[in-house]
Amino acid sequence: ILGVLAYLGWPWKALLVGRLVPGPIRDWV
């Protein structure tokens, strides 16, 4: 999902702040 957001560009790219959340927590969400 983060890779897709990076591909889409702005404003979706702003959601890449989600990379600050540890992977296991992101996967749980």
mmCIF file of all heavy atoms, coordinates in Angstrom:
data_MODEL
# 
_entry.id   MODEL 
# 
loop_
_atom_site.group_PDB 
_atom_site.id 
_atom_site.type_symbol 
_atom_site.label_atom_id 
_atom_site.label_alt_id 
_atom_site.label_comp_id 
_atom_site.label_asym_id 
_atom_site.label_entity_id 
_atom_site.label_seq_id 
_atom_site.pdbx_PDB_ins_code 
_atom_site.Cartn_x 
_atom_site.Cartn_y 
_atom_site.Cartn_z 
_atom_site.occupancy 
_atom_site.B_iso_or_equiv 
_atom_site.pdbx_formal_charge 
_atom_site.auth_seq_id 
_atom_site.auth_comp_id 
_atom_site.auth_asym_id 
_atom_site.auth_atom_id 
_atom_site.pdbx_PDB_model_num 
ATOM 1   N N   . ILE A 1 1  ? 0.836  -1.198 0.000   1.00 0.00 ? 1  ILE A N   1 
ATOM 2   C CA  . ILE A 1 1  ? 0.000  0.000  0.000   1.00 0.00 ? 1  ILE A CA  1 
ATOM 3   C C   . ILE A 1 1  ? 0.872  1.249  0.000   1.00 0.00 ? 1  ILE A C   1 
ATOM 4   O O   . ILE A 1 1  ? 0.615  2.202  -0.750  1.00 0.00 ? 1  ILE A O   1 
ATOM 5   C CB  . ILE A 1 1  ? -0.956 -0.003 1.217   1.00 0.00 ? 1  ILE A CB  1 
ATOM 6   C CG1 . ILE A 1 1  ? -1.949 -1.160 1.119   1.00 0.00 ? 1  ILE A CG1 1 
ATOM 7   C CG2 . ILE A 1 1  ? -1.660 1.331  1.372   1.00 0.00 ? 1  ILE A CG2 1 
ATOM 8   C CD1 . ILE A 1 1  ? -2.905 -1.082 -0.046  1.00 0.00 ? 1  ILE A CD1 1 
ATOM 9   N N   . LEU A 1 2  ? 1.919  1.260  0.810   1.00 0.00 ? 2  LEU A N   1 
ATOM 10  C CA  . LEU A 1 2  ? 2.820  2.414  0.833   1.00 0.00 ? 2  LEU A CA  1 
ATOM 11  C C   . LEU A 1 2  ? 3.512  2.594  -0.523  1.00 0.00 ? 2  LEU A C   1 
ATOM 12  O O   . LEU A 1 2  ? 3.718  3.726  -0.974  1.00 0.00 ? 2  LEU A O   1 
ATOM 13  C CB  . LEU A 1 2  ? 3.844  2.270  1.956   1.00 0.00 ? 2  LEU A CB  1 
ATOM 14  C CG  . LEU A 1 2  ? 3.276  2.406  3.372   1.00 0.00 ? 2  LEU A CG  1 
ATOM 15  C CD1 . LEU A 1 2  ? 4.320  2.013  4.409   1.00 0.00 ? 2  LEU A CD1 1 
ATOM 16  C CD2 . LEU A 1 2  ? 2.764  3.815  3.628   1.00 0.00 ? 2  LEU A CD2 1 
ATOM 17  N N   . GLY A 1 3  ? 3.844  1.505  -1.186  1.00 0.00 ? 3  GLY A N   1 
ATOM 18  C CA  . GLY A 1 3  ? 4.436  1.598  -2.516  1.00 0.00 ? 3  GLY A CA  1 
ATOM 19  C C   . GLY A 1 3  ? 3.476  2.188  -3.532  1.00 0.00 ? 3  GLY A C   1 
ATOM 20  O O   . GLY A 1 3  ? 3.866  2.980  -4.389  1.00 0.00 ? 3  GLY A O   1 
ATOM 21  N N   . VAL A 1 4  ? 2.209  1.817  -3.431  1.00 0.00 ? 4  VAL A N   1 
ATOM 22  C CA  . VAL A 1 4  ? 1.190  2.386  -4.327  1.00 0.00 ? 4  VAL A CA  1 
ATOM 23  C C   . VAL A 1 4  ? 1.030  3.876  -4.053  1.00 0.00 ? 4  VAL A C   1 
ATOM 24  O O   . VAL A 1 4  ? 0.940  4.682  -4.982  1.00 0.00 ? 4  VAL A O   1 
ATOM 25  C CB  . VAL A 1 4  ? -0.156 1.640  -4.171  1.00 0.00 ? 4  VAL A CB  1 
ATOM 26  C CG1 . VAL A 1 4  ? -1.266 2.363  -4.909  1.00 0.00 ? 4  VAL A CG1 1 
ATOM 27  C CG2 . VAL A 1 4  ? -0.027 0.213  -4.664  1.00 0.00 ? 4  VAL A CG2 1 
ATOM 28  N N   . LEU A 1 5  ? 0.999  4.260  -2.788  1.00 0.00 ? 5  LEU A N   1 
ATOM 29  C CA  . LEU A 1 5  ? 0.871  5.679  -2.438  1.00 0.00 ? 5  LEU A CA  1 
ATOM 30  C C   . LEU A 1 5  ? 2.045  6.485  -2.986  1.00 0.00 ? 5  LEU A C   1 
ATOM 31  O O   . LEU A 1 5  ? 1.869  7.605  -3.484  1.00 0.00 ? 5  LEU A O   1 
ATOM 32  C CB  . LEU A 1 5  ? 0.775  5.850  -0.923  1.00 0.00 ? 5  LEU A CB  1 
ATOM 33  C CG  . LEU A 1 5  ? -0.495 5.317  -0.269  1.00 0.00 ? 5  LEU A CG  1 
ATOM 34  C CD1 . LEU A 1 5  ? -0.364 5.356  1.247   1.00 0.00 ? 5  LEU A CD1 1 
ATOM 35  C CD2 . LEU A 1 5  ? -1.716 6.091  -0.731  1.00 0.00 ? 5  LEU A CD2 1 
ATOM 36  N N   . ALA A 1 6  ? 3.250  5.933  -2.915  1.00 0.00 ? 6  ALA A N   1 
ATOM 37  C CA  . ALA A 1 6  ? 4.429  6.611  -3.466  1.00 0.00 ? 6  ALA A CA  1 
ATOM 38  C C   . ALA A 1 6  ? 4.289  6.772  -4.976  1.00 0.00 ? 6  ALA A C   1 
ATOM 39  O O   . ALA A 1 6  ? 4.644  7.806  -5.541  1.00 0.00 ? 6  ALA A O   1 
ATOM 40  C CB  . ALA A 1 6  ? 5.697  5.838  -3.120  1.00 0.00 ? 6  ALA A CB  1 
ATOM 41  N N   . TYR A 1 7  ? 3.754  5.767  -5.634  1.00 0.00 ? 7  TYR A N   1 
ATOM 42  C CA  . TYR A 1 7  ? 3.548  5.815  -7.085  1.00 0.00 ? 7  TYR A CA  1 
ATOM 43  C C   . TYR A 1 7  ? 2.534  6.892  -7.470  1.00 0.00 ? 7  TYR A C   1 
ATOM 44  O O   . TYR A 1 7  ? 2.693  7.587  -8.461  1.00 0.00 ? 7  TYR A O   1 
ATOM 45  C CB  . TYR A 1 7  ? 3.079  4.441  -7.571  1.00 0.00 ? 7  TYR A CB  1 
ATOM 46  C CG  . TYR A 1 7  ? 2.659  4.420  -9.016  1.00 0.00 ? 7  TYR A CG  1 
ATOM 47  C CD1 . TYR A 1 7  ? 3.606  4.275  -10.025 1.00 0.00 ? 7  TYR A CD1 1 
ATOM 48  C CD2 . TYR A 1 7  ? 1.328  4.551  -9.375  1.00 0.00 ? 7  TYR A CD2 1 
ATOM 49  C CE1 . TYR A 1 7  ? 3.225  4.252  -11.359 1.00 0.00 ? 7  TYR A CE1 1 
ATOM 50  C CE2 . TYR A 1 7  ? 0.941  4.531  -10.696 1.00 0.00 ? 7  TYR A CE2 1 
ATOM 51  C CZ  . TYR A 1 7  ? 1.896  4.390  -11.686 1.00 0.00 ? 7  TYR A CZ  1 
ATOM 52  O OH  . TYR A 1 7  ? 1.512  4.388  -13.006 1.00 0.00 ? 7  TYR A OH  1 
ATOM 53  N N   . LEU A 1 8  ? 1.478  7.027  -6.664  1.00 0.00 ? 8  LEU A N   1 
ATOM 54  C CA  . LEU A 1 8  ? 0.407  7.967  -6.993  1.00 0.00 ? 8  LEU A CA  1 
ATOM 55  C C   . LEU A 1 8  ? 0.835  9.418  -6.897  1.00 0.00 ? 8  LEU A C   1 
ATOM 56  O O   . LEU A 1 8  ? 0.249  10.278 -7.544  1.00 0.00 ? 8  LEU A O   1 
ATOM 57  C CB  . LEU A 1 8  ? -0.809 7.726  -6.079  1.00 0.00 ? 8  LEU A CB  1 
ATOM 58  C CG  . LEU A 1 8  ? -1.545 6.418  -6.307  1.00 0.00 ? 8  LEU A CG  1 
ATOM 59  C CD1 . LEU A 1 8  ? -2.630 6.246  -5.251  1.00 0.00 ? 8  LEU A CD1 1 
ATOM 60  C CD2 . LEU A 1 8  ? -2.132 6.364  -7.704  1.00 0.00 ? 8  LEU A CD2 1 
ATOM 61  N N   . GLY A 1 9  ? 1.824  9.718  -6.100  1.00 0.00 ? 9  GLY A N   1 
ATOM 62  C CA  . GLY A 1 9  ? 2.281  11.099 -5.970  1.00 0.00 ? 9  GLY A CA  1 
ATOM 63  C C   . GLY A 1 9  ? 1.397  11.915 -5.039  1.00 0.00 ? 9  GLY A C   1 
ATOM 64  O O   . GLY A 1 9  ? 0.576  11.396 -4.294  1.00 0.00 ? 9  GLY A O   1 
ATOM 65  N N   . TRP A 1 10 ? 1.601  13.230 -5.098  1.00 0.00 ? 10 TRP A N   1 
ATOM 66  C CA  . TRP A 1 10 ? 0.878  14.150 -4.213  1.00 0.00 ? 10 TRP A CA  1 
ATOM 67  C C   . TRP A 1 10 ? -0.589 14.172 -4.570  1.00 0.00 ? 10 TRP A C   1 
ATOM 68  O O   . TRP A 1 10 ? -0.894 14.115 -5.743  1.00 0.00 ? 10 TRP A O   1 
ATOM 69  C CB  . TRP A 1 10 ? 1.494  15.546 -4.309  1.00 0.00 ? 10 TRP A CB  1 
ATOM 70  C CG  . TRP A 1 10 ? 0.927  16.471 -3.298  1.00 0.00 ? 10 TRP A CG  1 
ATOM 71  C CD1 . TRP A 1 10 ? -0.025 17.412 -3.523  1.00 0.00 ? 10 TRP A CD1 1 
ATOM 72  C CD2 . TRP A 1 10 ? 1.220  16.515 -1.911  1.00 0.00 ? 10 TRP A CD2 1 
ATOM 73  N NE1 . TRP A 1 10 ? -0.327 18.041 -2.363  1.00 0.00 ? 10 TRP A NE1 1 
ATOM 74  C CE2 . TRP A 1 10 ? 0.420  17.500 -1.343  1.00 0.00 ? 10 TRP A CE2 1 
ATOM 75  C CE3 . TRP A 1 10 ? 2.077  15.793 -1.083  1.00 0.00 ? 10 TRP A CE3 1 
ATOM 76  C CZ2 . TRP A 1 10 ? 0.451  17.811 -0.005  1.00 0.00 ? 10 TRP A CZ2 1 
ATOM 77  C CZ3 . TRP A 1 10 ? 2.106  16.102 0.252   1.00 0.00 ? 10 TRP A CZ3 1 
ATOM 78  C CH2 . TRP A 1 10 ? 1.300  17.099 0.770   1.00 0.00 ? 10 TRP A CH2 1 
ATOM 79  N N   . PRO A 1 11 ? -1.537 14.230 -3.665  1.00 0.00 ? 11 PRO A N   1 
ATOM 80  C CA  . PRO A 1 11 ? -1.430 14.366 -2.207  1.00 0.00 ? 11 PRO A CA  1 
ATOM 81  C C   . PRO A 1 11 ? -1.309 13.030 -1.485  1.00 0.00 ? 11 PRO A C   1 
ATOM 82  O O   . PRO A 1 11 ? -1.070 12.998 -0.284  1.00 0.00 ? 11 PRO A O   1 
ATOM 83  C CB  . PRO A 1 11 ? -2.723 15.060 -1.822  1.00 0.00 ? 11 PRO A CB  1 
ATOM 84  C CG  . PRO A 1 11 ? -3.723 14.546 -2.800  1.00 0.00 ? 11 PRO A CG  1 
ATOM 85  C CD  . PRO A 1 11 ? -2.944 14.378 -4.100  1.00 0.00 ? 11 PRO A CD  1 
ATOM 86  N N   . TRP A 1 12 ? -1.457 11.919 -2.220  1.00 0.00 ? 12 TRP A N   1 
ATOM 87  C CA  . TRP A 1 12 ? -1.395 10.598 -1.592  1.00 0.00 ? 12 TRP A CA  1 
ATOM 88  C C   . TRP A 1 12 ? -0.044 10.329 -0.953  1.00 0.00 ? 12 TRP A C   1 
ATOM 89  O O   . TRP A 1 12 ? 0.058  9.626  0.046   1.00 0.00 ? 12 TRP A O   1 
ATOM 90  C CB  . TRP A 1 12 ? -1.720 9.512  -2.615  1.00 0.00 ? 12 TRP A CB  1 
ATOM 91  C CG  . TRP A 1 12 ? -3.082 9.661  -3.187  1.00 0.00 ? 12 TRP A CG  1 
ATOM 92  C CD1 . TRP A 1 12 ? -3.405 10.140 -4.431  1.00 0.00 ? 12 TRP A CD1 1 
ATOM 93  C CD2 . TRP A 1 12 ? -4.315 9.383  -2.534  1.00 0.00 ? 12 TRP A CD2 1 
ATOM 94  N NE1 . TRP A 1 12 ? -4.758 10.164 -4.586  1.00 0.00 ? 12 TRP A NE1 1 
ATOM 95  C CE2 . TRP A 1 12 ? -5.347 9.702  -3.430  1.00 0.00 ? 12 TRP A CE2 1 
ATOM 96  C CE3 . TRP A 1 12 ? -4.642 8.892  -1.281  1.00 0.00 ? 12 TRP A CE3 1 
ATOM 97  C CZ2 . TRP A 1 12 ? -6.675 9.547  -3.109  1.00 0.00 ? 12 TRP A CZ2 1 
ATOM 98  C CZ3 . TRP A 1 12 ? -5.974 8.735  -0.962  1.00 0.00 ? 12 TRP A CZ3 1 
ATOM 99  C CH2 . TRP A 1 12 ? -6.973 9.064  -1.870  1.00 0.00 ? 12 TRP A CH2 1 
ATOM 100 N N   . LYS A 1 13 ? 0.990  10.897 -1.540  1.00 0.00 ? 13 LYS A N   1 
ATOM 101 C CA  . LYS A 1 13 ? 2.339  10.674 -1.034  1.00 0.00 ? 13 LYS A CA  1 
ATOM 102 C C   . LYS A 1 13 ? 2.497  11.176 0.399   1.00 0.00 ? 13 LYS A C   1 
ATOM 103 O O   . LYS A 1 13 ? 3.355  10.703 1.134   1.00 0.00 ? 13 LYS A O   1 
ATOM 104 C CB  . LYS A 1 13 ? 3.338  11.369 -1.963  1.00 0.00 ? 13 LYS A CB  1 
ATOM 105 C CG  . LYS A 1 13 ? 4.677  10.745 -2.006  1.00 0.00 ? 13 LYS A CG  1 
ATOM 106 C CD  . LYS A 1 13 ? 5.498  11.350 -3.119  1.00 0.00 ? 13 LYS A CD  1 
ATOM 107 C CE  . LYS A 1 13 ? 6.721  10.492 -3.321  1.00 0.00 ? 13 LYS A CE  1 
ATOM 108 N NZ  . LYS A 1 13 ? 7.506  10.937 -4.457  1.00 0.00 ? 13 LYS A NZ  1 
ATOM 109 N N   . ALA A 1 14 ? 1.658  12.114 0.813   1.00 0.00 ? 14 ALA A N   1 
ATOM 110 C CA  . ALA A 1 14 ? 1.713  12.616 2.187   1.00 0.00 ? 14 ALA A CA  1 
ATOM 111 C C   . ALA A 1 14 ? 1.440  11.497 3.194   1.00 0.00 ? 14 ALA A C   1 
ATOM 112 O O   . ALA A 1 14 ? 1.919  11.549 4.335   1.00 0.00 ? 14 ALA A O   1 
ATOM 113 C CB  . ALA A 1 14 ? 0.719  13.758 2.375   1.00 0.00 ? 14 ALA A CB  1 
ATOM 114 N N   . LEU A 1 15 ? 0.698  10.481 2.791   1.00 0.00 ? 15 LEU A N   1 
ATOM 115 C CA  . LEU A 1 15 ? 0.387  9.358  3.684   1.00 0.00 ? 15 LEU A CA  1 
ATOM 116 C C   . LEU A 1 15 ? 1.594  8.443  3.919   1.00 0.00 ? 15 LEU A C   1 
ATOM 117 O O   . LEU A 1 15 ? 1.528  7.523  4.732   1.00 0.00 ? 15 LEU A O   1 
ATOM 118 C CB  . LEU A 1 15 ? -0.792 8.557  3.135   1.00 0.00 ? 15 LEU A CB  1 
ATOM 119 C CG  . LEU A 1 15 ? -2.117 9.327  3.069   1.00 0.00 ? 15 LEU A CG  1 
ATOM 120 C CD1 . LEU A 1 15 ? -3.176 8.499  2.364   1.00 0.00 ? 15 LEU A CD1 1 
ATOM 121 C CD2 . LEU A 1 15 ? -2.571 9.713  4.464   1.00 0.00 ? 15 LEU A CD2 1 
ATOM 122 N N   . LEU A 1 16 ? 2.700  8.707  3.225   1.00 0.00 ? 16 LEU A N   1 
ATOM 123 C CA  . LEU A 1 16 ? 3.908  7.912  3.439   1.00 0.00 ? 16 LEU A CA  1 
ATOM 124 C C   . LEU A 1 16 ? 4.485  8.124  4.833   1.00 0.00 ? 16 LEU A C   1 
ATOM 125 O O   . LEU A 1 16 ? 5.381  7.401  5.255   1.00 0.00 ? 16 LEU A O   1 
ATOM 126 C CB  . LEU A 1 16 ? 4.960  8.216  2.374   1.00 0.00 ? 16 LEU A CB  1 
ATOM 127 C CG  . LEU A 1 16 ? 4.602  7.758  0.970   1.00 0.00 ? 16 LEU A CG  1 
ATOM 128 C CD1 . LEU A 1 16 ? 5.683  8.168  -0.021  1.00 0.00 ? 16 LEU A CD1 1 
ATOM 129 C CD2 . LEU A 1 16 ? 4.385  6.262  0.933   1.00 0.00 ? 16 LEU A CD2 1 
ATOM 130 N N   . VAL A 1 17 ? 3.951  9.073  5.554   1.00 0.00 ? 17 VAL A N   1 
ATOM 131 C CA  . VAL A 1 17 ? 4.322  9.240  6.955   1.00 0.00 ? 17 VAL A CA  1 
ATOM 132 C C   . VAL A 1 17 ? 4.028  7.942  7.722   1.00 0.00 ? 17 VAL A C   1 
ATOM 133 O O   . VAL A 1 17 ? 4.617  7.680  8.767   1.00 0.00 ? 17 VAL A O   1 
ATOM 134 C CB  . VAL A 1 17 ? 3.612  10.472 7.575   1.00 0.00 ? 17 VAL A CB  1 
ATOM 135 C CG1 . VAL A 1 17 ? 2.121  10.228 7.720   1.00 0.00 ? 17 VAL A CG1 1 
ATOM 136 C CG2 . VAL A 1 17 ? 4.234  10.856 8.895   1.00 0.00 ? 17 VAL A CG2 1 
ATOM 137 N N   . GLY A 1 18 ? 3.159  7.118  7.158   1.00 0.00 ? 18 GLY A N   1 
ATOM 138 C CA  . GLY A 1 18 ? 2.859  5.810  7.740   1.00 0.00 ? 18 GLY A CA  1 
ATOM 139 C C   . GLY A 1 18 ? 4.079  4.918  7.863   1.00 0.00 ? 18 GLY A C   1 
ATOM 140 O O   . GLY A 1 18 ? 4.082  3.966  8.638   1.00 0.00 ? 18 GLY A O   1 
ATOM 141 N N   . ARG A 1 19 ? 5.125  5.220  7.112   1.00 0.00 ? 19 ARG A N   1 
ATOM 142 C CA  . ARG A 1 19 ? 6.360  4.428  7.224   1.00 0.00 ? 19 ARG A CA  1 
ATOM 143 C C   . ARG A 1 19 ? 6.991  4.561  8.600   1.00 0.00 ? 19 ARG A C   1 
ATOM 144 O O   . ARG A 1 19 ? 7.827  3.740  8.978   1.00 0.00 ? 19 ARG A O   1 
ATOM 145 C CB  . ARG A 1 19 ? 7.364  4.848  6.150   1.00 0.00 ? 19 ARG A CB  1 
ATOM 146 C CG  . ARG A 1 19 ? 6.992  4.352  4.789   1.00 0.00 ? 19 ARG A CG  1 
ATOM 147 C CD  . ARG A 1 19 ? 8.114  4.564  3.800   1.00 0.00 ? 19 ARG A CD  1 
ATOM 148 N NE  . ARG A 1 19 ? 7.756  3.937  2.537   1.00 0.00 ? 19 ARG A NE  1 
ATOM 149 C CZ  . ARG A 1 19 ? 8.024  4.433  1.357   1.00 0.00 ? 19 ARG A CZ  1 
ATOM 150 N NH1 . ARG A 1 19 ? 8.677  5.578  1.251   1.00 0.00 ? 19 ARG A NH1 1 
ATOM 151 N NH2 . ARG A 1 19 ? 7.663  3.804  0.264   1.00 0.00 ? 19 ARG A NH2 1 
ATOM 152 N N   . LEU A 1 20 ? 6.613  5.594  9.336   1.00 0.00 ? 20 LEU A N   1 
ATOM 153 C CA  . LEU A 1 20 ? 7.133  5.775  10.691  1.00 0.00 ? 20 LEU A CA  1 
ATOM 154 C C   . LEU A 1 20 ? 6.533  4.767  11.670  1.00 0.00 ? 20 LEU A C   1 
ATOM 155 O O   . LEU A 1 20 ? 7.085  4.532  12.730  1.00 0.00 ? 20 LEU A O   1 
ATOM 156 C CB  . LEU A 1 20 ? 6.843  7.203  11.181  1.00 0.00 ? 20 LEU A CB  1 
ATOM 157 C CG  . LEU A 1 20 ? 7.501  8.329  10.379  1.00 0.00 ? 20 LEU A CG  1 
ATOM 158 C CD1 . LEU A 1 20 ? 7.021  9.675  10.866  1.00 0.00 ? 20 LEU A CD1 1 
ATOM 159 C CD2 . LEU A 1 20 ? 9.015  8.219  10.457  1.00 0.00 ? 20 LEU A CD2 1 
ATOM 160 N N   . VAL A 1 21 ? 5.416  4.173  11.286  1.00 0.00 ? 21 VAL A N   1 
ATOM 161 C CA  . VAL A 1 21 ? 4.761  3.164  12.120  1.00 0.00 ? 21 VAL A CA  1 
ATOM 162 C C   . VAL A 1 21 ? 5.444  1.821  11.848  1.00 0.00 ? 21 VAL A C   1 
ATOM 163 O O   . VAL A 1 21 ? 5.654  1.455  10.691  1.00 0.00 ? 21 VAL A O   1 
ATOM 164 C CB  . VAL A 1 21 ? 3.250  3.084  11.788  1.00 0.00 ? 21 VAL A CB  1 
ATOM 165 C CG1 . VAL A 1 21 ? 2.571  1.991  12.583  1.00 0.00 ? 21 VAL A CG1 1 
ATOM 166 C CG2 . VAL A 1 21 ? 2.588  4.435  12.002  1.00 0.00 ? 21 VAL A CG2 1 
ATOM 167 N N   . PRO A 1 22 ? 5.780  1.081  12.887  1.00 0.00 ? 22 PRO A N   1 
ATOM 168 C CA  . PRO A 1 22 ? 6.429  -0.224 12.673  1.00 0.00 ? 22 PRO A CA  1 
ATOM 169 C C   . PRO A 1 22 ? 5.573  -1.150 11.803  1.00 0.00 ? 22 PRO A C   1 
ATOM 170 O O   . PRO A 1 22 ? 4.338  -1.162 11.889  1.00 0.00 ? 22 PRO A O   1 
ATOM 171 C CB  . PRO A 1 22 ? 6.573  -0.791 14.088  1.00 0.00 ? 22 PRO A CB  1 
ATOM 172 C CG  . PRO A 1 22 ? 6.550  0.417  14.981  1.00 0.00 ? 22 PRO A CG  1 
ATOM 173 C CD  . PRO A 1 22 ? 5.645  1.408  14.304  1.00 0.00 ? 22 PRO A CD  1 
ATOM 174 N N   . GLY A 1 23 ? 6.239  -1.933 10.965  1.00 0.00 ? 23 GLY A N   1 
ATOM 175 C CA  . GLY A 1 23 ? 5.572  -2.832 10.032  1.00 0.00 ? 23 GLY A CA  1 
ATOM 176 C C   . GLY A 1 23 ? 4.510  -3.733 10.637  1.00 0.00 ? 23 GLY A C   1 
ATOM 177 O O   . GLY A 1 23 ? 3.413  -3.852 10.081  1.00 0.00 ? 23 GLY A O   1 
ATOM 178 N N   . PRO A 1 24 ? 4.779  -4.395 11.758  1.00 0.00 ? 24 PRO A N   1 
ATOM 179 C CA  . PRO A 1 24 ? 3.746  -5.271 12.333  1.00 0.00 ? 24 PRO A CA  1 
ATOM 180 C C   . PRO A 1 24 ? 2.468  -4.517 12.712  1.00 0.00 ? 24 PRO A C   1 
ATOM 181 O O   . PRO A 1 24 ? 1.368  -5.044 12.550  1.00 0.00 ? 24 PRO A O   1 
ATOM 182 C CB  . PRO A 1 24 ? 4.427  -5.860 13.576  1.00 0.00 ? 24 PRO A CB  1 
ATOM 183 C CG  . PRO A 1 24 ? 5.887  -5.802 13.257  1.00 0.00 ? 24 PRO A CG  1 
ATOM 184 C CD  . PRO A 1 24 ? 6.071  -4.550 12.446  1.00 0.00 ? 24 PRO A CD  1 
ATOM 185 N N   . ILE A 1 25 ? 2.606  -3.295 13.165  1.00 0.00 ? 25 ILE A N   1 
ATOM 186 C CA  . ILE A 1 25 ? 1.417  -2.503 13.516  1.00 0.00 ? 25 ILE A CA  1 
ATOM 187 C C   . ILE A 1 25 ? 0.681  -2.094 12.241  1.00 0.00 ? 25 ILE A C   1 
ATOM 188 O O   . ILE A 1 25 ? -0.549 -2.179 12.163  1.00 0.00 ? 25 ILE A O   1 
ATOM 189 C CB  . ILE A 1 25 ? 1.798  -1.276 14.367  1.00 0.00 ? 25 ILE A CB  1 
ATOM 190 C CG1 . ILE A 1 25 ? 2.353  -1.744 15.715  1.00 0.00 ? 25 ILE A CG1 1 
ATOM 191 C CG2 . ILE A 1 25 ? 0.595  -0.343 14.563  1.00 0.00 ? 25 ILE A CG2 1 
ATOM 192 C CD1 . ILE A 1 25 ? 2.945  -0.650 16.567  1.00 0.00 ? 25 ILE A CD1 1 
ATOM 193 N N   . ARG A 1 26 ? 1.431  -1.665 11.213  1.00 0.00 ? 26 ARG A N   1 
ATOM 194 C CA  . ARG A 1 26 ? 0.809  -1.315 9.921   1.00 0.00 ? 26 ARG A CA  1 
ATOM 195 C C   . ARG A 1 26 ? 0.070  -2.509 9.348   1.00 0.00 ? 26 ARG A C   1 
ATOM 196 O O   . ARG A 1 26 ? -1.051 -2.381 8.849   1.00 0.00 ? 26 ARG A O   1 
ATOM 197 C CB  . ARG A 1 26 ? 1.870  -0.851 8.914   1.00 0.00 ? 26 ARG A CB  1 
ATOM 198 C CG  . ARG A 1 26 ? 2.413  0.508  9.135   1.00 0.00 ? 26 ARG A CG  1 
ATOM 199 C CD  . ARG A 1 26 ? 3.194  1.003  7.915   1.00 0.00 ? 26 ARG A CD  1 
ATOM 200 N NE  . ARG A 1 26 ? 3.893  -0.013 7.165   1.00 0.00 ? 26 ARG A NE  1 
ATOM 201 C CZ  . ARG A 1 26 ? 5.204  -0.244 7.237   1.00 0.00 ? 26 ARG A CZ  1 
ATOM 202 N NH1 . ARG A 1 26 ? 5.969  0.479  8.019   1.00 0.00 ? 26 ARG A NH1 1 
ATOM 203 N NH2 . ARG A 1 26 ? 5.757  -1.186 6.503   1.00 0.00 ? 26 ARG A NH2 1 
ATOM 204 N N   . ASP A 1 27 ? 0.684  -3.691 9.407   1.00 0.00 ? 27 ASP A N   1 
ATOM 205 C CA  . ASP A 1 27 ? 0.041  -4.891 8.863   1.00 0.00 ? 27 ASP A CA  1 
ATOM 206 C C   . ASP A 1 27 ? -1.209 -5.261 9.666   1.00 0.00 ? 27 ASP A C   1 
ATOM 207 O O   . ASP A 1 27 ? -2.199 -5.738 9.104   1.00 0.00 ? 27 ASP A O   1 
ATOM 208 C CB  . ASP A 1 27 ? 1.015  -6.065 8.817   1.00 0.00 ? 27 ASP A CB  1 
ATOM 209 C CG  . ASP A 1 27 ? 2.025  -5.931 7.690   1.00 0.00 ? 27 ASP A CG  1 
ATOM 210 O OD1 . ASP A 1 27 ? 1.765  -5.153 6.736   1.00 0.00 ? 27 ASP A OD1 1 
ATOM 211 O OD2 . ASP A 1 27 ? 3.071  -6.603 7.754   1.00 0.00 ? 27 ASP A OD2 1 
ATOM 212 N N   . TRP A 1 28 ? -1.188 -5.042 10.984  1.00 0.00 ? 28 TRP A N   1 
ATOM 213 C CA  . TRP A 1 28 ? -2.355 -5.302 11.812  1.00 0.00 ? 28 TRP A CA  1 
ATOM 214 C C   . TRP A 1 28 ? -3.512 -4.397 11.383  1.00 0.00 ? 28 TRP A C   1 
ATOM 215 O O   . TRP A 1 28 ? -4.643 -4.858 11.235  1.00 0.00 ? 28 TRP A O   1 
ATOM 216 C CB  . TRP A 1 28 ? -1.995 -5.086 13.285  1.00 0.00 ? 28 TRP A CB  1 
ATOM 217 C CG  . TRP A 1 28 ? -3.130 -5.305 14.221  1.00 0.00 ? 28 TRP A CG  1 
ATOM 218 C CD1 . TRP A 1 28 ? -3.638 -6.506 14.639  1.00 0.00 ? 28 TRP A CD1 1 
ATOM 219 C CD2 . TRP A 1 28 ? -3.918 -4.296 14.849  1.00 0.00 ? 28 TRP A CD2 1 
ATOM 220 N NE1 . TRP A 1 28 ? -4.698 -6.293 15.496  1.00 0.00 ? 28 TRP A NE1 1 
ATOM 221 C CE2 . TRP A 1 28 ? -4.882 -4.944 15.640  1.00 0.00 ? 28 TRP A CE2 1 
ATOM 222 C CE3 . TRP A 1 28 ? -3.898 -2.907 14.832  1.00 0.00 ? 28 TRP A CE3 1 
ATOM 223 C CZ2 . TRP A 1 28 ? -5.813 -4.253 16.395  1.00 0.00 ? 28 TRP A CZ2 1 
ATOM 224 C CZ3 . TRP A 1 28 ? -4.822 -2.212 15.585  1.00 0.00 ? 28 TRP A CZ3 1 
ATOM 225 C CH2 . TRP A 1 28 ? -5.766 -2.883 16.348  1.00 0.00 ? 28 TRP A CH2 1 
ATOM 226 N N   . VAL A 1 29 ? -3.217 -3.114 11.155  1.00 0.00 ? 29 VAL A N   1 
ATOM 227 C CA  . VAL A 1 29 ? -4.252 -2.178 10.681  1.00 0.00 ? 29 VAL A CA  1 
ATOM 228 C C   . VAL A 1 29 ? -4.727 -2.598 9.294   1.00 0.00 ? 29 VAL A C   1 
ATOM 229 O O   . VAL A 1 29 ? -5.930 -2.594 9.010   1.00 0.00 ? 29 VAL A O   1 
ATOM 230 C CB  . VAL A 1 29 ? -3.732 -0.727 10.684  1.00 0.00 ? 29 VAL A CB  1 
ATOM 231 C CG1 . VAL A 1 29 ? -4.713 0.218  10.000  1.00 0.00 ? 29 VAL A CG1 1 
ATOM 232 C CG2 . VAL A 1 29 ? -3.440 -0.267 12.098  1.00 0.00 ? 29 VAL A CG2 1 
# 
